[in-house]
C-alpha atoms as a PDB file:
ATOM      1  CA  MET A   1      36.665 -12.818   5.764  1.00  0.00           C
ATOM      2  CA  LYS A   2      37.458 -11.305   1.745  1.00  0.00           C
ATOM      3  CA  THR A   3      35.544  -8.488   0.732  1.00  0.00           C
ATOM      4  CA  ILE A   4      35.034  -7.127  -2.569  1.00  0.00           C
ATOM      5  CA  LYS A   5      37.869  -5.166  -2.913  1.00  0.00           C
ATOM      6  CA  THR A   6      40.758  -7.990  -2.115  1.00  0.00           C
ATOM      7  CA  HIS A   7      38.416 -10.761  -3.752  1.00  0.00           C
ATOM      8  CA  PHE A   8      38.728  -8.667  -7.409  1.00  0.00           C
ATOM      9  CA  CYS A   9      42.522  -6.699  -6.332  1.00  0.00           C
ATOM     10  CA  ILE A  10      40.576  -3.676  -6.920  1.00  0.00           C
ATOM     11  CA  ASP A  11      41.211   0.278  -5.397  1.00  0.00           C
ATOM     12  CA  ASP A  12      38.297   2.431  -3.744  1.00  0.00           C
ATOM     13  CA  GLU A  13      38.289   4.024  -6.501  1.00  0.00           C
ATOM     14  CA  GLN A  14      37.220   1.191  -8.548  1.00  0.00           C
ATOM     15  CA  VAL A  15      34.965   0.030  -5.512  1.00  0.00           C
ATOM     16  CA  THR A  16      32.803   2.995  -6.173  1.00  0.00           C
ATOM     17  CA  LYS A  17      32.306   2.243  -9.966  1.00  0.00           C
ATOM     18  CA  VAL A  18      31.635  -1.405  -9.701  1.00  0.00           C
ATOM     19  CA  ALA A  19      29.223  -0.654  -6.579  1.00  0.00           C
ATOM     20  CA  ALA A  20      27.280   2.166  -8.340  1.00  0.00           C
ATOM     21  CA  HIS A  21      26.643   0.194 -12.025  1.00  0.00           C
ATOM     22  CA  LEU A  22      25.546  -2.968  -9.624  1.00  0.00           C
ATOM     23  CA  VAL A  23      23.275  -1.175  -8.232  1.00  0.00           C
ATOM     24  CA  LYS A  24      21.540   0.146 -11.607  1.00  0.00           C
ATOM     25  CA  ILE A  25      21.734  -3.038 -12.541  1.00  0.00           C
ATOM     26  CA  THR A  26      20.659  -4.817  -9.821  1.00  0.00           C
ATOM     27  CA  PHE A  27      18.716  -2.441  -7.665  1.00  0.00           C
ATOM     28  CA  GLY A  28      20.066  -4.009  -5.010  1.00  0.00           C
ATOM     29  CA  HIS A  29      18.902  -6.960  -5.158  1.00  0.00           C
ATOM     30  CA  PRO A  30      20.899  -9.538  -2.802  1.00  0.00           C
ATOM     31  CA  ARG A  31      20.778 -12.763  -5.140  1.00  0.00           C
ATOM     32  CA  SER A  32      21.303 -10.265  -7.960  1.00  0.00           C
ATOM     33  CA  LEU A  33      24.027  -8.510  -6.204  1.00  0.00           C
ATOM     34  CA  ILE A  34      25.616 -11.985  -5.201  1.00  0.00           C
ATOM     35  CA  ALA A  35      25.558 -13.496  -9.279  1.00  0.00           C
ATOM     36  CA  ALA A  36      26.905 -10.636 -10.335  1.00  0.00           C
ATOM     37  CA  PHE A  37      30.109 -11.898  -8.340  1.00  0.00           C
ATOM     38  CA  ASP A  38      29.622 -14.966  -8.458  1.00  0.00           C
ATOM     39  CA  ASN A  39      29.209 -14.942 -12.566  1.00  0.00           C
ATOM     40  CA  CYS A  40      32.343 -11.955 -12.766  1.00  0.00           C
ATOM     41  CA  GLN A  41      35.525 -12.587 -12.737  1.00  0.00           C
ATOM     42  CA  SER A  42      36.992  -9.266 -13.091  1.00  0.00           C
ATOM     43  CA  TYR A  43      36.688  -5.889 -12.761  1.00  0.00           C
ATOM     44  CA  ASN A  44      35.834  -5.464 -16.260  1.00  0.00           C
ATOM     45  CA  GLU A  45      33.439  -8.398 -15.681  1.00  0.00           C
ATOM     46  CA  LEU A  46      31.958  -6.002 -13.148  1.00  0.00           C
ATOM     47  CA  LEU A  47      31.470  -3.150 -15.116  1.00  0.00           C
ATOM     48  CA  GLU A  48      29.896  -4.664 -17.958  1.00  0.00           C
ATOM     49  CA  TYR A  49      27.580  -7.115 -16.223  1.00  0.00           C
ATOM     50  CA  GLU A  50      24.062  -6.309 -17.683  1.00  0.00           C
ATOM     51  CA  GLY A  51      22.398  -8.935 -14.933  1.00  0.00           C
ATOM     52  CA  SER A  52      20.169 -12.198 -15.537  1.00  0.00           C
ATOM     53  CA  GLU A  53      16.891 -12.313 -16.283  1.00  0.00           C
ATOM     54  CA  GLU A  54      15.492 -12.946 -12.690  1.00  0.00           C
ATOM     55  CA  SER A  55      12.418 -10.671 -11.097  1.00  0.00           C
ATOM     56  CA  HIS A  56      14.111  -8.526  -9.498  1.00  0.00           C
ATOM     57  CA  GLY A  57      11.684  -8.740  -6.922  1.00  0.00           C
ATOM     58  CA  ILE A  58       8.858  -7.686  -9.733  1.00  0.00           C
ATOM     59  CA  VAL A  59       5.707  -8.575  -8.933  1.00  0.00           C
ATOM     60  CA  TRP A  60       5.514  -9.043 -12.955  1.00  0.00           C
ATOM     61  CA  ALA A  61       1.155  -8.719 -12.521  1.00  0.00           C
ATOM     62  CA  THR A  62       1.609  -5.732 -11.506  1.00  0.00           C
ATOM     63  CA  PHE A  63       4.328  -4.396 -14.067  1.00  0.00           C
ATOM     64  CA  SER A  64       2.108  -5.480 -17.301  1.00  0.00           C
ATOM     65  CA  GLU A  65      -1.013  -3.787 -16.045  1.00  0.00           C
ATOM     66  CA  CYS A  66       1.660  -0.571 -15.616  1.00  0.00           C
ATOM     67  CA  ILE A  67       2.289  -0.636 -19.009  1.00  0.00           C
ATOM     68  CA  LYS A  68      -1.124  -1.231 -20.660  1.00  0.00           C
ATOM     69  CA  SER A  69      -2.936   0.791 -18.256  1.00  0.00           C
ATOM     70  CA  TYR A  70      -0.600   3.931 -19.050  1.00  0.00           C
ATOM     71  CA  PRO A  71       1.059   3.747 -21.936  1.00  0.00           C
ATOM     72  CA  GLU A  72       1.950   7.457 -22.907  1.00  0.00           C
ATOM     73  CA  PRO A  73       4.355   8.391 -19.503  1.00  0.00           C
ATOM     74  CA  VAL A  74       6.040   4.876 -19.968  1.00  0.00           C
ATOM     75  CA  LYS A  75       6.531   5.160 -23.519  1.00  0.00           C
ATOM     76  CA  LEU A  76       7.438   9.080 -22.616  1.00  0.00           C
ATOM     77  CA  MET A  77      10.089   7.837 -19.630  1.00  0.00           C
ATOM     78  CA  MET A  78      11.246   4.580 -22.026  1.00  0.00           C
ATOM     79  CA  SER A  79      12.002   7.707 -24.507  1.00  0.00           C
ATOM     80  CA  GLN A  80      14.127   9.622 -22.166  1.00  0.00           C
ATOM     81  CA  ALA A  81      15.795   7.263 -20.702  1.00  0.00           C
ATOM     82  CA  MET A  82      17.018   6.226 -23.959  1.00  0.00           C
ATOM     83  CA  ASN A  83      18.159   9.238 -24.602  1.00  0.00           C
ATOM     84  CA  SER A  84      19.794  10.076 -21.646  1.00  0.00           C
ATOM     85  CA  GLU A  85      17.651  12.601 -20.301  1.00  0.00           C
ATOM     86  CA  PRO A  86      16.332  13.349 -17.192  1.00  0.00           C
ATOM     87  CA  VAL A  87      12.306  12.886 -16.542  1.00  0.00           C
ATOM     88  CA  ASN A  88       9.875  14.826 -14.327  1.00  0.00           C
ATOM     89  CA  LEU A  89       8.757  12.423 -12.140  1.00  0.00           C
ATOM     90  CA  THR A  90       6.434  15.056 -10.781  1.00  0.00           C
ATOM     91  CA  ASN A  91       4.353  14.998 -13.771  1.00  0.00           C
ATOM     92  CA  VAL A  92       0.842  13.687 -14.057  1.00  0.00           C
ATOM     93  CA  TRP A  93      -1.295  11.658 -16.091  1.00  0.00           C
ATOM     94  CA  ARG A  94      -4.774  11.233 -16.567  1.00  0.00           C
ATOM     95  CA  GLY A  95      -5.911   8.270 -19.028  1.00  0.00           C
ATOM     96  CA  HIS A  96      -9.603   8.486 -20.606  1.00  0.00           C
ATOM     97  CA  GLY A  97     -11.565   8.182 -16.967  1.00  0.00           C
ATOM     98  CA  GLN A  98      -8.313   7.365 -15.353  1.00  0.00           C
ATOM     99  CA  LYS A  99      -7.248   8.718 -12.123  1.00  0.00           C
ATOM    100  CA  GLU A 100      -4.313  11.158 -11.490  1.00  0.00           C
ATOM    101  CA  ILE A 101      -1.604   9.556 -11.153  1.00  0.00           C
ATOM    102  CA  LEU A 102       2.528  10.515 -11.201  1.00  0.00           C
ATOM    103  CA  TYR A 103       5.123   9.439 -13.192  1.00  0.00           C
ATOM    104  CA  ASP A 104       6.636   8.830 -10.508  1.00  0.00           C
ATOM    105  CA  SER A 105       3.930   6.061  -9.639  1.00  0.00           C
ATOM    106  CA  VAL A 106       4.190   5.090 -13.368  1.00  0.00           C
ATOM    107  CA  ALA A 107       8.146   3.945 -12.467  1.00  0.00           C
ATOM    108  CA  ASN A 108       7.766   2.258  -9.461  1.00  0.00           C
ATOM    109  CA  GLY A 109       5.118   0.366 -11.108  1.00  0.00           C
ATOM    110  CA  LEU A 110       7.235  -1.076 -13.631  1.00  0.00           C
ATOM    111  CA  GLY A 111       9.939  -1.386 -10.968  1.00  0.00           C
ATOM    112  CA  ILE A 112      12.571   1.310 -12.672  1.00  0.00           C
ATOM    113  CA  ALA A 113      15.211   2.588 -10.003  1.00  0.00           C
ATOM    114  CA  TRP A 114      16.286   6.910 -10.923  1.00  0.00           C
ATOM    115  CA  GLU A 115      18.964   9.307  -9.021  1.00  0.00           C
ATOM    116  CA  GLY A 116      18.583  12.264  -9.328  1.00  0.00           C
ATOM    117  CA  THR A 117      15.714  14.859  -7.920  1.00  0.00           C
ATOM    118  CA  VAL A 118      12.586  13.750  -8.421  1.00  0.00           C
ATOM    119  CA  ASP A 119      12.304  16.886 -10.800  1.00  0.00           C
ATOM    120  CA  GLU A 120      15.105  15.491 -12.905  1.00  0.00           C
ATOM    121  CA  ALA A 121      15.702  11.880 -12.163  1.00  0.00           C
ATOM    122  CA  THR A 122      17.934   9.731 -14.163  1.00  0.00           C
ATOM    123  CA  LEU A 123      15.688   6.121 -15.338  1.00  0.00           C
ATOM    124  CA  TYR A 124      17.530   3.057 -15.491  1.00  0.00           C
ATOM    125  CA  MET A 125      16.916  -0.635 -15.735  1.00  0.00           C
ATOM    126  CA  PRO A 126      18.340  -3.450 -16.531  1.00  0.00           C
ATOM    127  CA  SER A 127      19.200  -3.853 -20.627  1.00  0.00           C
ATOM    128  CA  TYR A 128      17.007  -6.564 -20.202  1.00  0.00           C
ATOM    129  CA  HIS A 129      13.695  -5.161 -18.376  1.00  0.00           C
ATOM    130  CA  LEU A 130      13.894  -2.064 -21.209  1.00  0.00           C
ATOM    131  CA  GLN A 131      13.392  -4.708 -23.917  1.00  0.00           C
ATOM    132  CA  LEU A 132      10.252  -6.710 -21.680  1.00  0.00           C
ATOM    133  CA  ILE A 133       9.063  -3.090 -21.592  1.00  0.00           C
ATOM    134  CA  LEU A 134       9.534  -1.599 -24.824  1.00  0.00           C
ATOM    135  CA  GLY A 135       8.728  -5.901 -26.453  1.00  0.00           C
ATOM    136  CA  ASN A 136       4.875  -4.841 -24.223  1.00  0.00           C
ATOM    137  CA  LEU A 137       4.574  -1.538 -25.452  1.00  0.00           C
ATOM    138  CA  TYR A 138       4.844  -1.729 -28.894  1.00  0.00           C
ATOM    139  CA  SER A 139       3.632  -4.090 -31.671  1.00  0.00           C
ATOM    140  CA  LEU A 140       6.430  -5.404 -33.544  1.00  0.00           C
ATOM    141  CA  SER A 141       7.146  -3.144 -36.682  1.00  0.00           C
ATOM    142  CA  ASP A 142       6.953  -0.025 -34.164  1.00  0.00           C
ATOM    143  CA  TYR A 143       9.376  -1.916 -31.891  1.00  0.00           C
ATOM    144  CA  LEU A 144      12.144  -1.970 -34.199  1.00  0.00           C
ATOM    145  CA  THR A 145      11.952   1.086 -35.578  1.00  0.00           C
ATOM    146  CA  VAL A 146      12.643   2.174 -31.429  1.00  0.00           C
ATOM    147  CA  ASN A 147      15.444  -0.560 -30.864  1.00  0.00           C
ATOM    148  CA  PHE A 148      17.066   0.500 -34.074  1.00  0.00           C
ATOM    149  CA  ASN A 149      16.572   3.832 -35.355  1.00  0.00           C
ATOM    150  CA  GLY A 150      16.960   4.861 -31.499  1.00  0.00           C
END
């Protein structure tokens, strides 16, 4: 039986780097991981892998509803994620007449992975996932400004 290490002829440190990258990109979704290994032929390709446009187990109705219901925390989290700034997922948001919700719950509704501590979390998502969030959150002119002007 071949291992990832033997198949790609990589060492333990490289295996660790590949594993960390792929978990962030695929959220550990088994079919997505298999797709990465099927599509990549080298260590460098694995590190550059951005994923496919599969759902990764996300319930798209919940995803869309989360963006519409909680625009302020989503905008804040996306801004901080794009600037590689940590997010405090213990923050609470209350919309117009809505119940309070933790930023952590909003992140979960969007299928966003994170690491670190809950009060200083680094957010991770595939790049197409970020584009879906931004595309649903902003008008076209705002989307282009956010996407291309930082």
